[in-house]
Amino acid sequence: MYRRTFKPVLDFCCALFVLATTSPLLLLLAVLGAARTKGTPLFVQDRVGRGGRTFRLVRFRAPEDAYGRFLRATSLDRLPAFLNVLKGEMSLVGPRPLLPEQAAALEERRGRRDDVRPGLTGLAQISGRKSLPAEEVSAYDASYARNVSFALDLRILATTAARILEREGGSPERETAAIPVQGGGANAK
């Protein structure tokens, strides 16, 4: 019941709330980003979502300067992805949305990760994604897909919030791309 009914409604309401309450910040970051990157402040990239369907993930560009490092450290570069949640392409919590070439490489071993919408955060992200081999990330994603619950989502969201606050306080960054592929990442220029 939670997975099919409550979770999508909760995702939509939370995304709407976040976008509405942060709209002045989003506008400011968009203006600053356009000035810093001398172009569009948004980075749009194809990702694979639930059921293997492709969607366009939206993030702020995070250049390799102090501004970009600040965006990444505070996860503000991810704020536009709440539009993907609002549209129903993503969830607040779920497996990391894969690049098409990552999804193709994982075709045989991705388990049930495609049964749920990809998330802004997830079990692999809070479990040390930076230090995990691809197989372990896939195992965390499949485990999440099998065990989706309100309590698990709350735990993942609380842990994510704590990690973001730790990073702001100067702790080392704990996450990067889960499954390495050739080509640009989400913050490519």
N, C-alpha and C. Protein backbone atom coordinates (compact mmCIF):
# COMPACT_ATOMS: atom_id res chain seq x y z
N MET A 1 0.83 -1.19 0.00
CA MET A 1 0.00 0.00 0.00
C MET A 1 0.88 1.26 0.00
N TYR A 2 1.92 1.28 0.84
CA TYR A 2 2.79 2.46 0.93
C TYR A 2 3.45 2.74 -0.42
N ARG A 3 4.02 1.70 -1.03
CA ARG A 3 4.78 1.87 -2.28
C ARG A 3 3.90 2.41 -3.40
N ARG A 4 2.70 1.90 -3.54
CA ARG A 4 1.86 2.25 -4.68
C ARG A 4 0.99 3.48 -4.45
N THR A 5 0.63 3.76 -3.21
CA THR A 5 -0.32 4.84 -2.96
C THR A 5 0.30 6.01 -2.20
N PHE A 6 0.78 5.74 -1.00
CA PHE A 6 1.23 6.83 -0.13
C PHE A 6 2.54 7.44 -0.59
N LYS A 7 3.49 6.62 -1.00
CA LYS A 7 4.81 7.13 -1.40
C LYS A 7 4.73 8.12 -2.56
N PRO A 8 4.01 7.82 -3.67
CA PRO A 8 3.92 8.80 -4.75
C PRO A 8 3.26 10.12 -4.32
N VAL A 9 2.24 10.03 -3.49
CA VAL A 9 1.57 11.24 -3.01
C VAL A 9 2.51 12.03 -2.10
N LEU A 10 3.22 11.34 -1.22
CA LEU A 10 4.18 11.99 -0.35
C LEU A 10 5.30 12.64 -1.15
N ASP A 11 5.81 11.94 -2.17
CA ASP A 11 6.84 12.51 -3.04
C ASP A 11 6.35 13.80 -3.70
N PHE A 12 5.15 13.75 -4.27
CA PHE A 12 4.60 14.91 -4.96
C PHE A 12 4.44 16.09 -4.00
N CYS A 13 3.85 15.85 -2.83
CA CYS A 13 3.61 16.92 -1.86
C CYS A 13 4.93 17.51 -1.35
N CYS A 14 5.89 16.66 -1.05
CA CYS A 14 7.20 17.15 -0.56
C CYS A 14 7.92 17.95 -1.64
N ALA A 15 7.89 17.46 -2.88
CA ALA A 15 8.55 18.17 -3.98
C ALA A 15 7.89 19.53 -4.21
N LEU A 16 6.58 19.57 -4.18
CA LEU A 16 5.86 20.83 -4.35
C LEU A 16 6.21 21.81 -3.24
N PHE A 17 6.27 21.30 -2.01
CA PHE A 17 6.62 22.15 -0.86
C PHE A 17 8.05 22.68 -0.99
N VAL A 18 9.00 21.80 -1.31
CA VAL A 18 10.40 22.22 -1.43
C VAL A 18 10.56 23.25 -2.54
N LEU A 19 9.96 23.00 -3.70
CA LEU A 19 10.09 23.94 -4.81
C LEU A 19 9.43 25.28 -4.49
N ALA A 20 8.28 25.25 -3.82
CA ALA A 20 7.60 26.50 -3.47
C ALA A 20 8.38 27.30 -2.44
N THR A 21 8.90 26.62 -1.42
CA THR A 21 9.60 27.33 -0.34
C THR A 21 11.01 27.77 -0.73
N THR A 22 11.60 27.09 -1.68
CA THR A 22 12.96 27.44 -2.08
C THR A 22 13.00 28.23 -3.39
N SER A 23 11.85 28.63 -3.91
CA SER A 23 11.84 29.32 -5.21
C SER A 23 12.71 30.57 -5.24
N PRO A 24 12.75 31.40 -4.17
CA PRO A 24 13.68 32.54 -4.23
C PRO A 24 15.15 32.08 -4.31
N LEU A 25 15.49 31.03 -3.56
CA LEU A 25 16.85 30.48 -3.61
C LEU A 25 17.14 29.89 -4.98
N LEU A 26 16.18 29.17 -5.55
CA LEU A 26 16.36 28.61 -6.89
C LEU A 26 16.62 29.71 -7.91
N LEU A 27 15.88 30.79 -7.82
CA LEU A 27 16.07 31.91 -8.73
C LEU A 27 17.45 32.54 -8.56
N LEU A 28 17.85 32.74 -7.31
CA LEU A 28 19.17 33.30 -7.03
C LEU A 28 20.28 32.40 -7.57
N LEU A 29 20.18 31.10 -7.31
CA LEU A 29 21.19 30.16 -7.78
C LEU A 29 21.21 30.10 -9.31
N ALA A 30 20.05 30.21 -9.93
CA ALA A 30 20.00 30.21 -11.39
C ALA A 30 20.70 31.44 -11.97
N VAL A 31 20.46 32.60 -11.37
CA VAL A 31 21.10 33.83 -11.84
C VAL A 31 22.62 33.75 -11.62
N LEU A 32 23.03 33.34 -10.42
CA LEU A 32 24.46 33.20 -10.14
C LEU A 32 25.11 32.16 -11.04
N GLY A 33 24.40 31.06 -11.24
CA GLY A 33 24.92 29.99 -12.10
C GLY A 33 25.08 30.44 -13.54
N ALA A 34 24.12 31.19 -14.04
CA ALA A 34 24.21 31.69 -15.41
C ALA A 34 25.41 32.63 -15.55
N ALA A 35 25.65 33.44 -14.53
CA ALA A 35 26.80 34.36 -14.57
C ALA A 35 28.12 33.59 -14.48
N ARG A 36 28.16 32.55 -13.64
CA ARG A 36 29.40 31.79 -13.44
C ARG A 36 29.73 30.90 -14.64
N THR A 37 28.72 30.32 -15.25
CA THR A 37 28.98 29.39 -16.35
C THR A 37 28.85 30.05 -17.72
N LYS A 38 28.46 31.32 -17.72
CA LYS A 38 28.29 32.08 -18.96
C LYS A 38 27.38 31.34 -19.94
N GLY A 39 26.29 30.85 -19.43
CA GLY A 39 25.32 30.11 -20.24
C GLY A 39 24.19 29.66 -19.36
N THR A 40 23.61 28.57 -19.72
CA THR A 40 22.50 28.04 -18.94
C THR A 40 23.01 27.51 -17.60
N PRO A 41 22.31 27.82 -16.51
CA PRO A 41 22.74 27.33 -15.21
C PRO A 41 22.34 25.88 -14.96
N LEU A 42 21.54 25.33 -15.86
CA LEU A 42 21.03 23.97 -15.66
C LEU A 42 21.81 22.95 -16.47
N PHE A 43 21.93 21.78 -15.88
CA PHE A 43 22.54 20.64 -16.54
C PHE A 43 21.44 19.60 -16.69
N VAL A 44 21.18 19.17 -17.90
CA VAL A 44 20.13 18.20 -18.17
C VAL A 44 20.78 16.97 -18.78
N GLN A 45 20.42 15.81 -18.26
CA GLN A 45 21.07 14.58 -18.71
C GLN A 45 20.07 13.44 -18.72
N ASP A 46 20.15 12.59 -19.74
CA ASP A 46 19.29 11.41 -19.80
C ASP A 46 19.68 10.44 -18.69
N ARG A 47 18.67 9.93 -18.00
CA ARG A 47 18.86 8.89 -16.99
C ARG A 47 17.78 7.84 -17.20
N VAL A 48 18.01 6.67 -16.65
CA VAL A 48 17.06 5.57 -16.77
C VAL A 48 16.30 5.44 -15.45
N GLY A 49 14.99 5.41 -15.57
CA GLY A 49 14.14 5.35 -14.39
C GLY A 49 13.39 4.04 -14.27
N ARG A 50 12.29 4.12 -13.59
CA ARG A 50 11.46 2.94 -13.32
C ARG A 50 11.03 2.27 -14.63
N GLY A 51 11.12 0.96 -14.65
CA GLY A 51 10.74 0.20 -15.82
C GLY A 51 11.65 0.38 -17.02
N GLY A 52 12.85 0.96 -16.79
CA GLY A 52 13.81 1.15 -17.87
C GLY A 52 13.50 2.35 -18.76
N ARG A 53 12.52 3.18 -18.37
CA ARG A 53 12.19 4.37 -19.16
C ARG A 53 13.21 5.48 -18.94
N THR A 54 13.56 6.17 -20.02
CA THR A 54 14.51 7.27 -19.95
C THR A 54 13.79 8.57 -19.62
N PHE A 55 14.41 9.39 -18.78
CA PHE A 55 13.88 10.72 -18.47
C PHE A 55 15.05 11.69 -18.43
N ARG A 56 14.76 12.98 -18.37
CA ARG A 56 15.78 14.02 -18.36
C ARG A 56 15.97 14.54 -16.94
N LEU A 57 17.07 14.19 -16.31
CA LEU A 57 17.40 14.65 -14.97
C LEU A 57 17.89 16.09 -15.04
N VAL A 58 17.38 16.94 -14.15
CA VAL A 58 17.75 18.36 -14.15
C VAL A 58 18.51 18.68 -12.86
N ARG A 59 19.65 19.35 -13.03
CA ARG A 59 20.45 19.81 -11.89
C ARG A 59 21.06 21.16 -12.23
N PHE A 60 21.56 21.84 -11.20
CA PHE A 60 22.34 23.04 -11.48
C PHE A 60 23.73 22.63 -11.91
N ARG A 61 24.29 23.35 -12.86
CA ARG A 61 25.70 23.14 -13.20
C ARG A 61 26.53 23.51 -11.99
N ALA A 62 27.55 22.74 -11.73
CA ALA A 62 28.44 23.01 -10.60
C ALA A 62 29.87 23.07 -11.12
N PRO A 63 30.31 24.25 -11.57
CA PRO A 63 31.66 24.37 -12.14
C PRO A 63 32.73 24.05 -11.10
N GLU A 64 33.92 23.79 -11.59
CA GLU A 64 35.05 23.46 -10.71
C GLU A 64 35.67 24.73 -10.11
N ASP A 65 34.89 25.42 -9.31
CA ASP A 65 35.38 26.60 -8.60
C ASP A 65 34.72 26.61 -7.22
N ALA A 66 34.94 27.65 -6.45
CA ALA A 66 34.39 27.71 -5.09
C ALA A 66 32.87 27.64 -5.10
N TYR A 67 32.25 28.32 -6.07
CA TYR A 67 30.79 28.29 -6.18
C TYR A 67 30.29 26.86 -6.42
N GLY A 68 30.92 26.16 -7.37
CA GLY A 68 30.53 24.78 -7.68
C GLY A 68 30.75 23.84 -6.51
N ARG A 69 31.89 24.01 -5.82
CA ARG A 69 32.16 23.17 -4.65
C ARG A 69 31.11 23.40 -3.57
N PHE A 70 30.73 24.67 -3.37
CA PHE A 70 29.68 24.99 -2.40
C PHE A 70 28.36 24.32 -2.79
N LEU A 71 27.99 24.39 -4.07
CA LEU A 71 26.75 23.76 -4.52
C LEU A 71 26.76 22.26 -4.25
N ARG A 72 27.88 21.61 -4.58
CA ARG A 72 27.97 20.16 -4.39
C ARG A 72 28.00 19.80 -2.91
N ALA A 73 28.76 20.54 -2.10
CA ALA A 73 28.89 20.22 -0.67
C ALA A 73 27.56 20.37 0.06
N THR A 74 26.74 21.30 -0.37
CA THR A 74 25.45 21.53 0.28
C THR A 74 24.31 20.82 -0.42
N SER A 75 24.62 20.14 -1.51
CA SER A 75 23.64 19.44 -2.35
C SER A 75 22.62 20.39 -2.99
N LEU A 76 22.93 21.68 -3.02
CA LEU A 76 22.03 22.64 -3.67
C LEU A 76 21.99 22.43 -5.18
N ASP A 77 23.02 21.81 -5.73
CA ASP A 77 23.00 21.52 -7.17
C ASP A 77 21.88 20.56 -7.53
N ARG A 78 21.35 19.86 -6.54
CA ARG A 78 20.30 18.87 -6.78
C ARG A 78 18.88 19.43 -6.64
N LEU A 79 18.75 20.66 -6.18
CA LEU A 79 17.41 21.22 -5.98
C LEU A 79 16.52 21.13 -7.23
N PRO A 80 17.02 21.44 -8.44
CA PRO A 80 16.13 21.33 -9.60
C PRO A 80 15.59 19.92 -9.84
N ALA A 81 16.25 18.90 -9.31
CA ALA A 81 15.76 17.52 -9.49
C ALA A 81 14.42 17.29 -8.79
N PHE A 82 14.04 18.20 -7.89
CA PHE A 82 12.70 18.09 -7.31
C PHE A 82 11.63 18.25 -8.38
N LEU A 83 11.97 18.89 -9.52
CA LEU A 83 11.05 18.94 -10.66
C LEU A 83 10.80 17.54 -11.20
N ASN A 84 11.86 16.71 -11.23
CA ASN A 84 11.70 15.32 -11.66
C ASN A 84 10.81 14.54 -10.70
N VAL A 85 10.92 14.84 -9.42
CA VAL A 85 10.06 14.19 -8.43
C VAL A 85 8.62 14.64 -8.64
N LEU A 86 8.42 15.93 -8.83
CA LEU A 86 7.09 16.48 -9.05
C LEU A 86 6.43 15.86 -10.28
N LYS A 87 7.20 15.60 -11.32
CA LYS A 87 6.68 15.01 -12.55
C LYS A 87 6.47 13.49 -12.42
N GLY A 88 6.90 12.89 -11.32
CA GLY A 88 6.71 11.46 -11.13
C GLY A 88 7.79 10.60 -11.76
N GLU A 89 8.87 11.22 -12.22
CA GLU A 89 9.97 10.47 -12.82
C GLU A 89 10.92 9.93 -11.77
N MET A 90 10.96 10.59 -10.62
CA MET A 90 11.83 10.20 -9.53
C MET A 90 11.05 10.21 -8.23
N SER A 91 11.70 9.71 -7.19
CA SER A 91 11.15 9.71 -5.85
C SER A 91 12.15 10.42 -4.94
N LEU A 92 11.73 10.74 -3.74
CA LEU A 92 12.69 11.29 -2.77
C LEU A 92 13.74 10.24 -2.44
N VAL A 93 13.30 8.99 -2.28
CA VAL A 93 14.19 7.89 -1.91
C VAL A 93 14.04 6.77 -2.92
N GLY A 94 15.18 6.25 -3.36
CA GLY A 94 15.17 5.14 -4.31
C GLY A 94 16.58 4.90 -4.79
N PRO A 95 16.76 3.96 -5.70
CA PRO A 95 18.09 3.72 -6.27
C PRO A 95 18.55 4.94 -7.06
N ARG A 96 19.85 5.10 -7.20
CA ARG A 96 20.41 6.20 -7.97
C ARG A 96 19.98 6.06 -9.43
N PRO A 97 19.53 7.15 -10.07
CA PRO A 97 19.15 7.04 -11.49
C PRO A 97 20.40 6.84 -12.34
N LEU A 98 20.39 5.80 -13.12
CA LEU A 98 21.56 5.44 -13.92
C LEU A 98 21.60 6.15 -15.26
N LEU A 99 22.81 6.37 -15.75
CA LEU A 99 23.00 6.80 -17.12
C LEU A 99 22.61 5.63 -18.03
N PRO A 100 22.15 5.89 -19.26
CA PRO A 100 21.77 4.78 -20.14
C PRO A 100 22.87 3.73 -20.32
N GLU A 101 24.14 4.17 -20.44
CA GLU A 101 25.22 3.19 -20.61
C GLU A 101 25.47 2.38 -19.34
N GLN A 102 25.20 2.97 -18.17
CA GLN A 102 25.31 2.22 -16.92
C GLN A 102 24.21 1.17 -16.85
N ALA A 103 23.00 1.57 -17.22
CA ALA A 103 21.86 0.65 -17.19
C ALA A 103 22.11 -0.53 -18.12
N ALA A 104 22.66 -0.24 -19.31
CA ALA A 104 22.96 -1.32 -20.26
C ALA A 104 24.02 -2.26 -19.69
N ALA A 105 25.04 -1.72 -19.03
CA ALA A 105 26.10 -2.54 -18.45
C ALA A 105 25.58 -3.39 -17.29
N LEU A 106 24.55 -2.92 -16.61
CA LEU A 106 24.01 -3.65 -15.46
C LEU A 106 22.81 -4.52 -15.80
N GLU A 107 22.48 -4.62 -17.07
CA GLU A 107 21.27 -5.33 -17.49
C GLU A 107 21.09 -6.68 -16.81
N GLU A 108 22.17 -7.45 -16.72
CA GLU A 108 22.08 -8.79 -16.17
C GLU A 108 21.99 -8.83 -14.64
N ARG A 109 22.50 -7.80 -13.95
CA ARG A 109 22.61 -7.91 -12.50
C ARG A 109 21.92 -6.81 -11.72
N ARG A 110 20.98 -6.11 -12.33
CA ARG A 110 20.39 -5.01 -11.58
C ARG A 110 19.27 -5.42 -10.66
N GLY A 111 18.84 -6.65 -10.72
CA GLY A 111 17.84 -7.11 -9.76
C GLY A 111 16.52 -6.40 -9.94
N ARG A 112 15.94 -5.98 -8.83
CA ARG A 112 14.63 -5.35 -8.87
C ARG A 112 14.70 -3.83 -8.82
N ARG A 113 15.85 -3.24 -9.03
CA ARG A 113 15.99 -1.78 -8.91
C ARG A 113 15.04 -1.04 -9.84
N ASP A 114 14.66 -1.65 -10.99
CA ASP A 114 13.76 -1.00 -11.94
C ASP A 114 12.30 -1.04 -11.50
N ASP A 115 12.00 -1.75 -10.41
CA ASP A 115 10.62 -1.84 -9.93
C ASP A 115 10.19 -0.57 -9.20
N VAL A 116 11.15 0.27 -8.84
CA VAL A 116 10.83 1.50 -8.10
C VAL A 116 11.42 2.69 -8.85
N ARG A 117 10.87 3.87 -8.56
CA ARG A 117 11.43 5.08 -9.15
C ARG A 117 12.80 5.35 -8.56
N PRO A 118 13.72 5.88 -9.35
CA PRO A 118 15.01 6.27 -8.80
C PRO A 118 14.81 7.43 -7.83
N GLY A 119 15.76 7.60 -6.92
CA GLY A 119 15.59 8.61 -5.89
C GLY A 119 16.67 9.68 -5.86
N LEU A 120 16.33 10.77 -5.18
CA LEU A 120 17.32 11.82 -4.92
C LEU A 120 18.37 11.31 -3.96
N THR A 121 17.98 10.41 -3.09
CA THR A 121 18.89 9.74 -2.17
C THR A 121 18.45 8.29 -2.06
N GLY A 122 19.29 7.46 -1.48
CA GLY A 122 18.93 6.05 -1.38
C GLY A 122 19.80 5.28 -0.42
N LEU A 123 19.54 4.00 -0.33
CA LEU A 123 20.25 3.14 0.60
C LEU A 123 21.74 3.05 0.26
N ALA A 124 22.09 2.97 -1.01
CA ALA A 124 23.51 2.92 -1.39
C ALA A 124 24.22 4.22 -1.05
N GLN A 125 23.52 5.35 -1.23
CA GLN A 125 24.13 6.65 -0.96
C GLN A 125 24.49 6.81 0.51
N ILE A 126 23.64 6.32 1.39
CA ILE A 126 23.93 6.48 2.82
C ILE A 126 24.82 5.37 3.35
N SER A 127 25.11 4.38 2.51
CA SER A 127 25.93 3.25 2.94
C SER A 127 27.37 3.35 2.46
N GLY A 128 27.77 4.54 2.07
CA GLY A 128 29.16 4.74 1.66
C GLY A 128 29.39 4.52 0.19
N ARG A 129 28.51 5.04 -0.64
CA ARG A 129 28.57 4.81 -2.07
C ARG A 129 29.95 5.06 -2.67
N LYS A 130 30.67 6.06 -2.17
CA LYS A 130 31.99 6.39 -2.73
C LYS A 130 32.96 5.22 -2.61
N SER A 131 32.84 4.48 -1.54
CA SER A 131 33.81 3.41 -1.29
C SER A 131 33.30 2.03 -1.68
N LEU A 132 32.10 1.94 -2.25
CA LEU A 132 31.52 0.65 -2.57
C LEU A 132 31.79 0.25 -4.02
N PRO A 133 32.08 -1.04 -4.25
CA PRO A 133 32.18 -1.50 -5.64
C PRO A 133 30.78 -1.52 -6.27
N ALA A 134 30.74 -1.49 -7.60
CA ALA A 134 29.48 -1.43 -8.33
C ALA A 134 28.52 -2.55 -7.94
N GLU A 135 29.06 -3.74 -7.70
CA GLU A 135 28.21 -4.88 -7.35
C GLU A 135 27.49 -4.64 -6.02
N GLU A 136 28.18 -4.02 -5.08
CA GLU A 136 27.58 -3.74 -3.78
C GLU A 136 26.51 -2.65 -3.89
N VAL A 137 26.77 -1.64 -4.71
CA VAL A 137 25.77 -0.59 -4.95
C VAL A 137 24.52 -1.23 -5.53
N SER A 138 24.70 -2.11 -6.51
CA SER A 138 23.56 -2.81 -7.12
C SER A 138 22.81 -3.64 -6.09
N ALA A 139 23.54 -4.27 -5.18
CA ALA A 139 22.90 -5.07 -4.14
C ALA A 139 22.08 -4.18 -3.20
N TYR A 140 22.61 -3.02 -2.83
CA TYR A 140 21.85 -2.08 -1.99
C TYR A 140 20.60 -1.60 -2.72
N ASP A 141 20.73 -1.30 -4.01
CA ASP A 141 19.58 -0.83 -4.78
C ASP A 141 18.50 -1.91 -4.86
N ALA A 142 18.89 -3.15 -5.12
CA ALA A 142 17.93 -4.25 -5.19
C ALA A 142 17.30 -4.50 -3.82
N SER A 143 18.10 -4.41 -2.77
CA SER A 143 17.57 -4.58 -1.41
C SER A 143 16.53 -3.51 -1.10
N TYR A 144 16.82 -2.27 -1.48
CA TYR A 144 15.84 -1.21 -1.24
C TYR A 144 14.54 -1.52 -1.99
N ALA A 145 14.66 -1.92 -3.27
CA ALA A 145 13.48 -2.20 -4.08
C ALA A 145 12.62 -3.31 -3.47
N ARG A 146 13.26 -4.29 -2.83
CA ARG A 146 12.53 -5.39 -2.19
C ARG A 146 11.90 -4.98 -0.87
N ASN A 147 12.47 -3.98 -0.20
CA ASN A 147 12.07 -3.67 1.18
C ASN A 147 11.53 -2.26 1.38
N VAL A 148 10.99 -1.65 0.33
CA VAL A 148 10.47 -0.29 0.45
C VAL A 148 9.46 -0.21 1.59
N SER A 149 9.69 0.77 2.48
CA SER A 149 8.73 1.01 3.57
C SER A 149 8.86 2.46 4.02
N PHE A 150 7.84 2.93 4.69
CA PHE A 150 7.85 4.29 5.21
C PHE A 150 8.99 4.46 6.22
N ALA A 151 9.17 3.47 7.09
CA ALA A 151 10.23 3.55 8.11
C ALA A 151 11.62 3.60 7.46
N LEU A 152 11.83 2.78 6.44
CA LEU A 152 13.13 2.77 5.75
C LEU A 152 13.36 4.11 5.05
N ASP A 153 12.33 4.64 4.40
CA ASP A 153 12.47 5.93 3.74
C ASP A 153 12.80 7.03 4.74
N LEU A 154 12.15 7.02 5.89
CA LEU A 154 12.44 8.03 6.92
C LEU A 154 13.88 7.92 7.40
N ARG A 155 14.35 6.69 7.59
CA ARG A 155 15.74 6.48 8.04
C ARG A 155 16.74 7.00 7.00
N ILE A 156 16.47 6.72 5.74
CA ILE A 156 17.36 7.17 4.67
C ILE A 156 17.35 8.69 4.57
N LEU A 157 16.17 9.30 4.64
CA LEU A 157 16.09 10.77 4.58
C LEU A 157 16.79 11.43 5.76
N ALA A 158 16.60 10.88 6.96
CA ALA A 158 17.26 11.45 8.15
C ALA A 158 18.78 11.32 8.05
N THR A 159 19.26 10.17 7.58
CA THR A 159 20.70 9.96 7.44
C THR A 159 21.27 10.89 6.37
N THR A 160 20.54 11.06 5.27
CA THR A 160 20.98 11.97 4.21
C THR A 160 21.10 13.39 4.74
N ALA A 161 20.09 13.85 5.47
CA ALA A 161 20.12 15.20 6.04
C ALA A 161 21.32 15.37 6.97
N ALA A 162 21.58 14.37 7.79
CA ALA A 162 22.73 14.44 8.70
C ALA A 162 24.04 14.50 7.93
N ARG A 163 24.15 13.74 6.85
CA ARG A 163 25.39 13.74 6.04
C ARG A 163 25.60 15.09 5.37
N ILE A 164 24.52 15.69 4.88
CA ILE A 164 24.63 17.01 4.25
C ILE A 164 25.09 18.03 5.28
N LEU A 165 24.52 17.99 6.46
CA LEU A 165 24.92 18.92 7.51
C LEU A 165 26.36 18.68 7.94
N GLU A 166 26.80 17.43 7.99
CA GLU A 166 28.20 17.11 8.31
C GLU A 166 29.13 17.73 7.28
N ARG A 167 28.79 17.61 6.01
CA ARG A 167 29.62 18.16 4.94
C ARG A 167 29.73 19.67 5.06
N GLU A 168 28.63 20.33 5.41
CA GLU A 168 28.67 21.78 5.59
C GLU A 168 29.61 22.15 6.72
N GLY A 169 29.71 21.27 7.71
CA GLY A 169 30.57 21.54 8.84
C GLY A 169 32.02 21.17 8.59
N GLY A 170 32.33 20.67 7.41
CA GLY A 170 33.72 20.41 7.07
C GLY A 170 34.10 18.95 7.01
N SER A 171 33.17 18.02 7.20
CA SER A 171 33.50 16.61 7.09
C SER A 171 33.78 16.26 5.64
N PRO A 172 34.57 15.24 5.40
CA PRO A 172 34.87 14.88 4.02
C PRO A 172 33.62 14.40 3.28
N GLU A 173 33.60 14.64 1.98
CA GLU A 173 32.47 14.21 1.18
C GLU A 173 32.42 12.69 1.16
N ARG A 174 31.21 12.14 1.27
CA ARG A 174 31.07 10.69 1.38
C ARG A 174 30.53 10.02 0.13
N GLU A 175 30.13 10.80 -0.89
CA GLU A 175 29.57 10.12 -2.04
C GLU A 175 30.03 10.70 -3.36
N THR A 176 30.18 9.84 -4.35
CA THR A 176 30.46 10.24 -5.71
C THR A 176 29.67 9.30 -6.60
N ALA A 177 30.00 9.25 -7.85
CA ALA A 177 29.27 8.39 -8.78
C ALA A 177 29.37 6.94 -8.34
N ALA A 178 28.25 6.24 -8.34
CA ALA A 178 28.21 4.88 -7.84
C ALA A 178 28.84 3.88 -8.80
N ILE A 179 28.58 4.01 -10.08
CA ILE A 179 29.05 3.04 -11.03
C ILE A 179 29.82 3.79 -12.11
N PRO A 180 31.14 3.63 -12.14
CA PRO A 180 31.94 4.41 -13.07
C PRO A 180 31.65 4.04 -14.52
N VAL A 181 31.53 5.06 -15.35
CA VAL A 181 31.40 4.86 -16.79
C VAL A 181 32.25 5.91 -17.48
N GLN A 182 32.54 5.68 -18.74
CA GLN A 182 33.29 6.69 -19.46
C GLN A 182 32.32 7.78 -19.90
N GLY A 183 32.79 9.01 -19.90
CA GLY A 183 31.95 10.13 -20.28
C GLY A 183 31.73 11.04 -19.10
N GLY A 184 31.00 12.10 -19.30
CA GLY A 184 30.79 13.11 -18.27
C GLY A 184 29.84 12.68 -17.19
N GLY A 185 30.04 13.18 -16.00
CA GLY A 185 29.15 12.94 -14.89
C GLY A 185 28.07 14.01 -14.84
N ALA A 186 27.29 14.04 -13.77
CA ALA A 186 26.17 14.95 -13.65
C ALA A 186 26.62 16.40 -13.56
N ASN A 187 27.84 16.63 -13.22
CA ASN A 187 28.31 18.02 -13.06
C ASN A 187 29.31 18.41 -14.15
N ALA A 188 29.29 17.69 -15.26
CA ALA A 188 30.22 18.01 -16.34
C ALA A 188 29.92 19.41 -16.87
N LYS A 189 30.94 20.02 -17.40
CA LYS A 189 30.77 21.39 -17.91
C LYS A 189 30.20 21.39 -19.30
